[in-house]
Amino acid sequence: MTDEPSPELRRILDHEVFIRGANRPFGELTTDDVRSRADELRAAVGWGPTARVAPVAQAWRELSIGMDGAGAATVGELDPEVLLKLAPRLWVTLPG
């Protein structure tokens, strides 16, 4: 990105996600991190209350596919519109 990110995008990129044993900024997550999160969440899906995790796991999978397609090494390299659209589905920001 050449322009300064909007405050909303900056908040998304700076949001910390617990992965690899530590809190890390969402914008610094790698494709391996994103795939790992998708797999972790998919493994937690069951029936009843845990079924609510399925759409979140799917959003993380979509993020990894988007990163692969864009050739992005980190989340922060993705198009801002993609991040703004996916952040609520990833629960990086609150849905709604």
N, C-alpha and C. Protein backbone atom coordinates (compact mmCIF):
# COMPACT_ATOMS: atom_id res chain seq x y z
N MET A 1 0.85 -1.18 0.00
CA MET A 1 0.00 0.00 0.00
C MET A 1 0.89 1.23 0.00
N THR A 2 0.57 2.16 -0.85
CA THR A 2 1.35 3.38 -0.91
C THR A 2 0.73 4.48 -0.06
N ASP A 3 -0.58 4.47 0.07
CA ASP A 3 -1.28 5.49 0.86
C ASP A 3 -1.35 5.06 2.32
N GLU A 4 -1.51 6.05 3.18
CA GLU A 4 -1.69 5.78 4.61
C GLU A 4 -3.05 5.10 4.79
N PRO A 5 -3.07 3.96 5.53
CA PRO A 5 -4.35 3.26 5.72
C PRO A 5 -5.34 4.10 6.53
N SER A 6 -6.62 3.85 6.27
CA SER A 6 -7.68 4.53 7.04
C SER A 6 -7.59 4.08 8.49
N PRO A 7 -8.19 4.84 9.40
CA PRO A 7 -8.18 4.43 10.82
C PRO A 7 -8.80 3.05 11.02
N GLU A 8 -9.87 2.75 10.28
CA GLU A 8 -10.50 1.43 10.42
C GLU A 8 -9.56 0.32 9.95
N LEU A 9 -8.90 0.52 8.82
CA LEU A 9 -7.96 -0.47 8.31
C LEU A 9 -6.77 -0.62 9.26
N ARG A 10 -6.28 0.48 9.79
CA ARG A 10 -5.16 0.43 10.73
C ARG A 10 -5.56 -0.38 11.97
N ARG A 11 -6.79 -0.18 12.45
CA ARG A 11 -7.28 -0.93 13.61
C ARG A 11 -7.32 -2.43 13.31
N ILE A 12 -7.75 -2.78 12.09
CA ILE A 12 -7.80 -4.18 11.69
C ILE A 12 -6.39 -4.76 11.62
N LEU A 13 -5.48 -4.07 10.97
CA LEU A 13 -4.12 -4.56 10.81
C LEU A 13 -3.38 -4.69 12.14
N ASP A 14 -3.69 -3.80 13.07
CA ASP A 14 -3.01 -3.81 14.38
C ASP A 14 -3.66 -4.76 15.38
N HIS A 15 -4.88 -5.24 15.09
CA HIS A 15 -5.57 -6.14 16.02
C HIS A 15 -4.71 -7.37 16.28
N GLU A 16 -4.55 -7.72 17.53
CA GLU A 16 -3.69 -8.85 17.87
C GLU A 16 -4.46 -10.16 17.84
N VAL A 17 -3.81 -11.16 17.25
CA VAL A 17 -4.35 -12.51 17.15
C VAL A 17 -3.35 -13.43 17.85
N PHE A 18 -3.84 -14.31 18.71
CA PHE A 18 -2.96 -15.24 19.41
C PHE A 18 -2.65 -16.41 18.47
N ILE A 19 -1.40 -16.50 18.06
CA ILE A 19 -0.96 -17.55 17.16
C ILE A 19 0.53 -17.79 17.37
N ARG A 20 0.97 -19.01 17.22
CA ARG A 20 2.37 -19.40 17.46
C ARG A 20 2.81 -19.03 18.87
N GLY A 21 1.89 -19.16 19.83
CA GLY A 21 2.23 -18.96 21.23
C GLY A 21 2.34 -17.52 21.70
N ALA A 22 1.92 -16.57 20.86
CA ALA A 22 2.02 -15.15 21.26
C ALA A 22 0.94 -14.34 20.53
N ASN A 23 0.67 -13.15 21.05
CA ASN A 23 -0.21 -12.20 20.37
C ASN A 23 0.58 -11.52 19.26
N ARG A 24 0.03 -11.56 18.05
CA ARG A 24 0.71 -10.95 16.91
C ARG A 24 -0.27 -10.06 16.15
N PRO A 25 0.20 -8.95 15.59
CA PRO A 25 -0.69 -8.10 14.80
C PRO A 25 -1.24 -8.86 13.59
N PHE A 26 -2.52 -8.73 13.36
CA PHE A 26 -3.19 -9.40 12.24
C PHE A 26 -2.48 -9.12 10.92
N GLY A 27 -2.07 -7.90 10.70
CA GLY A 27 -1.42 -7.52 9.45
C GLY A 27 -0.09 -8.21 9.21
N GLU A 28 0.52 -8.77 10.26
CA GLU A 28 1.80 -9.46 10.12
C GLU A 28 1.67 -10.97 9.97
N LEU A 29 0.43 -11.49 10.04
CA LEU A 29 0.25 -12.93 9.91
C LEU A 29 0.66 -13.39 8.51
N THR A 30 1.34 -14.53 8.46
CA THR A 30 1.79 -15.09 7.19
C THR A 30 0.73 -16.04 6.63
N THR A 31 0.94 -16.50 5.42
CA THR A 31 0.02 -17.47 4.83
C THR A 31 -0.02 -18.75 5.67
N ASP A 32 1.12 -19.16 6.21
CA ASP A 32 1.14 -20.34 7.07
C ASP A 32 0.33 -20.11 8.34
N ASP A 33 0.44 -18.91 8.92
CA ASP A 33 -0.35 -18.58 10.11
C ASP A 33 -1.84 -18.67 9.80
N VAL A 34 -2.23 -18.11 8.67
CA VAL A 34 -3.65 -18.06 8.30
C VAL A 34 -4.18 -19.47 8.04
N ARG A 35 -3.40 -20.29 7.33
CA ARG A 35 -3.81 -21.68 7.09
C ARG A 35 -3.93 -22.44 8.40
N SER A 36 -2.99 -22.21 9.29
CA SER A 36 -3.00 -22.87 10.60
C SER A 36 -4.25 -22.50 11.39
N ARG A 37 -4.61 -21.20 11.38
CA ARG A 37 -5.81 -20.75 12.08
C ARG A 37 -7.06 -21.38 11.47
N ALA A 38 -7.13 -21.44 10.15
CA ALA A 38 -8.28 -22.06 9.48
C ALA A 38 -8.40 -23.53 9.89
N ASP A 39 -7.28 -24.24 9.90
CA ASP A 39 -7.29 -25.66 10.27
C ASP A 39 -7.69 -25.85 11.73
N GLU A 40 -7.15 -24.99 12.60
CA GLU A 40 -7.47 -25.06 14.03
C GLU A 40 -8.96 -24.86 14.27
N LEU A 41 -9.53 -23.87 13.62
CA LEU A 41 -10.95 -23.59 13.80
C LEU A 41 -11.82 -24.68 13.17
N ARG A 42 -11.41 -25.17 12.01
CA ARG A 42 -12.17 -26.23 11.36
C ARG A 42 -12.20 -27.48 12.25
N ALA A 43 -11.11 -27.78 12.94
CA ALA A 43 -11.05 -28.94 13.83
C ALA A 43 -11.98 -28.78 15.03
N ALA A 44 -12.29 -27.54 15.39
CA ALA A 44 -13.15 -27.29 16.56
C ALA A 44 -14.63 -27.34 16.23
N VAL A 45 -14.97 -27.40 14.94
CA VAL A 45 -16.37 -27.39 14.53
C VAL A 45 -17.02 -28.72 14.86
N GLY A 46 -18.19 -28.63 15.44
CA GLY A 46 -18.99 -29.81 15.74
C GLY A 46 -20.44 -29.47 15.51
N TRP A 47 -21.29 -29.92 16.40
CA TRP A 47 -22.70 -29.55 16.30
C TRP A 47 -23.06 -28.77 17.55
N GLY A 48 -24.22 -28.20 17.58
CA GLY A 48 -24.62 -27.36 18.72
C GLY A 48 -23.86 -26.05 18.67
N PRO A 49 -23.43 -25.55 19.82
CA PRO A 49 -22.77 -24.25 19.86
C PRO A 49 -21.49 -24.18 19.03
N THR A 50 -20.75 -25.28 18.92
CA THR A 50 -19.50 -25.22 18.16
C THR A 50 -19.73 -25.11 16.66
N ALA A 51 -20.95 -25.35 16.20
CA ALA A 51 -21.25 -25.18 14.78
C ALA A 51 -21.09 -23.72 14.35
N ARG A 52 -21.18 -22.81 15.30
CA ARG A 52 -21.02 -21.38 14.98
C ARG A 52 -19.60 -21.03 14.55
N VAL A 53 -18.67 -21.92 14.80
CA VAL A 53 -17.28 -21.69 14.42
C VAL A 53 -17.07 -21.94 12.93
N ALA A 54 -17.92 -22.73 12.31
CA ALA A 54 -17.74 -23.11 10.90
C ALA A 54 -17.60 -21.92 9.95
N PRO A 55 -18.47 -20.90 10.04
CA PRO A 55 -18.30 -19.77 9.11
C PRO A 55 -17.01 -18.98 9.35
N VAL A 56 -16.55 -18.97 10.59
CA VAL A 56 -15.29 -18.27 10.89
C VAL A 56 -14.12 -19.05 10.30
N ALA A 57 -14.15 -20.36 10.45
CA ALA A 57 -13.11 -21.21 9.86
C ALA A 57 -13.10 -21.03 8.35
N GLN A 58 -14.28 -20.97 7.74
CA GLN A 58 -14.38 -20.79 6.29
C GLN A 58 -13.81 -19.43 5.88
N ALA A 59 -14.04 -18.40 6.66
CA ALA A 59 -13.50 -17.07 6.34
C ALA A 59 -11.97 -17.08 6.39
N TRP A 60 -11.40 -17.78 7.37
CA TRP A 60 -9.94 -17.89 7.44
C TRP A 60 -9.40 -18.66 6.24
N ARG A 61 -10.14 -19.66 5.80
CA ARG A 61 -9.74 -20.41 4.59
C ARG A 61 -9.79 -19.49 3.37
N GLU A 62 -10.85 -18.68 3.26
CA GLU A 62 -10.96 -17.73 2.15
C GLU A 62 -9.80 -16.73 2.19
N LEU A 63 -9.42 -16.31 3.38
CA LEU A 63 -8.30 -15.38 3.51
C LEU A 63 -7.02 -16.03 2.98
N SER A 64 -6.78 -17.29 3.32
CA SER A 64 -5.56 -17.96 2.83
C SER A 64 -5.59 -18.11 1.31
N ILE A 65 -6.75 -18.41 0.76
CA ILE A 65 -6.87 -18.52 -0.70
C ILE A 65 -6.62 -17.16 -1.35
N GLY A 66 -7.18 -16.11 -0.75
CA GLY A 66 -6.95 -14.76 -1.27
C GLY A 66 -5.49 -14.35 -1.21
N MET A 67 -4.82 -14.73 -0.12
CA MET A 67 -3.40 -14.41 0.00
C MET A 67 -2.60 -15.14 -1.07
N ASP A 68 -2.91 -16.42 -1.28
CA ASP A 68 -2.22 -17.19 -2.32
C ASP A 68 -2.44 -16.56 -3.69
N GLY A 69 -3.69 -16.22 -3.98
CA GLY A 69 -4.02 -15.63 -5.27
C GLY A 69 -3.35 -14.29 -5.53
N ALA A 70 -3.19 -13.52 -4.46
CA ALA A 70 -2.57 -12.20 -4.58
C ALA A 70 -1.05 -12.25 -4.46
N GLY A 71 -0.53 -13.41 -4.09
CA GLY A 71 0.91 -13.52 -3.87
C GLY A 71 1.37 -12.76 -2.64
N ALA A 72 0.48 -12.61 -1.67
CA ALA A 72 0.79 -11.85 -0.45
C ALA A 72 1.50 -12.74 0.57
N ALA A 73 2.61 -12.27 1.09
CA ALA A 73 3.34 -13.01 2.12
C ALA A 73 2.73 -12.78 3.49
N THR A 74 2.11 -11.60 3.68
CA THR A 74 1.45 -11.28 4.95
C THR A 74 0.06 -10.71 4.67
N VAL A 75 -0.77 -10.74 5.69
CA VAL A 75 -2.13 -10.20 5.57
C VAL A 75 -2.08 -8.73 5.16
N GLY A 76 -1.14 -7.98 5.71
CA GLY A 76 -1.05 -6.55 5.44
C GLY A 76 -0.79 -6.20 3.98
N GLU A 77 -0.37 -7.18 3.18
CA GLU A 77 -0.11 -6.93 1.77
C GLU A 77 -1.37 -7.06 0.90
N LEU A 78 -2.46 -7.48 1.50
CA LEU A 78 -3.71 -7.65 0.74
C LEU A 78 -4.38 -6.31 0.47
N ASP A 79 -5.24 -6.31 -0.53
CA ASP A 79 -6.03 -5.14 -0.87
C ASP A 79 -6.87 -4.73 0.35
N PRO A 80 -6.88 -3.46 0.70
CA PRO A 80 -7.65 -3.00 1.87
C PRO A 80 -9.13 -3.38 1.80
N GLU A 81 -9.73 -3.35 0.62
CA GLU A 81 -11.15 -3.70 0.49
C GLU A 81 -11.41 -5.15 0.90
N VAL A 82 -10.48 -6.03 0.57
CA VAL A 82 -10.61 -7.44 0.96
C VAL A 82 -10.58 -7.56 2.48
N LEU A 83 -9.66 -6.85 3.10
CA LEU A 83 -9.53 -6.91 4.56
C LEU A 83 -10.75 -6.32 5.26
N LEU A 84 -11.24 -5.20 4.76
CA LEU A 84 -12.42 -4.58 5.36
C LEU A 84 -13.64 -5.49 5.25
N LYS A 85 -13.74 -6.22 4.16
CA LYS A 85 -14.87 -7.13 3.95
C LYS A 85 -14.75 -8.37 4.84
N LEU A 86 -13.55 -8.93 4.95
CA LEU A 86 -13.37 -10.19 5.67
C LEU A 86 -13.23 -10.03 7.19
N ALA A 87 -12.75 -8.90 7.66
CA ALA A 87 -12.45 -8.74 9.10
C ALA A 87 -13.60 -9.14 10.02
N PRO A 88 -14.84 -8.73 9.76
CA PRO A 88 -15.92 -9.17 10.65
C PRO A 88 -16.17 -10.68 10.59
N ARG A 89 -16.02 -11.26 9.42
CA ARG A 89 -16.23 -12.70 9.28
C ARG A 89 -15.12 -13.51 9.95
N LEU A 90 -13.95 -12.90 10.07
CA LEU A 90 -12.81 -13.54 10.74
C LEU A 90 -12.86 -13.34 12.26
N TRP A 91 -13.76 -12.49 12.72
CA TRP A 91 -13.88 -12.04 14.08
C TRP A 91 -12.65 -11.23 14.51
N VAL A 92 -12.01 -10.59 13.55
CA VAL A 92 -10.94 -9.64 13.85
C VAL A 92 -11.57 -8.34 14.31
N THR A 93 -12.72 -8.02 13.73
CA THR A 93 -13.58 -6.94 14.22
C THR A 93 -14.92 -7.58 14.54
N LEU A 94 -15.71 -6.92 15.33
CA LEU A 94 -17.01 -7.47 15.69
C LEU A 94 -17.94 -7.46 14.50
N PRO A 95 -18.64 -8.57 14.26
CA PRO A 95 -19.60 -8.59 13.16
C PRO A 95 -20.76 -7.61 13.43
N GLY A 96 -21.30 -7.09 12.32
CA GLY A 96 -22.48 -6.24 12.44
C GLY A 96 -22.22 -4.84 12.58
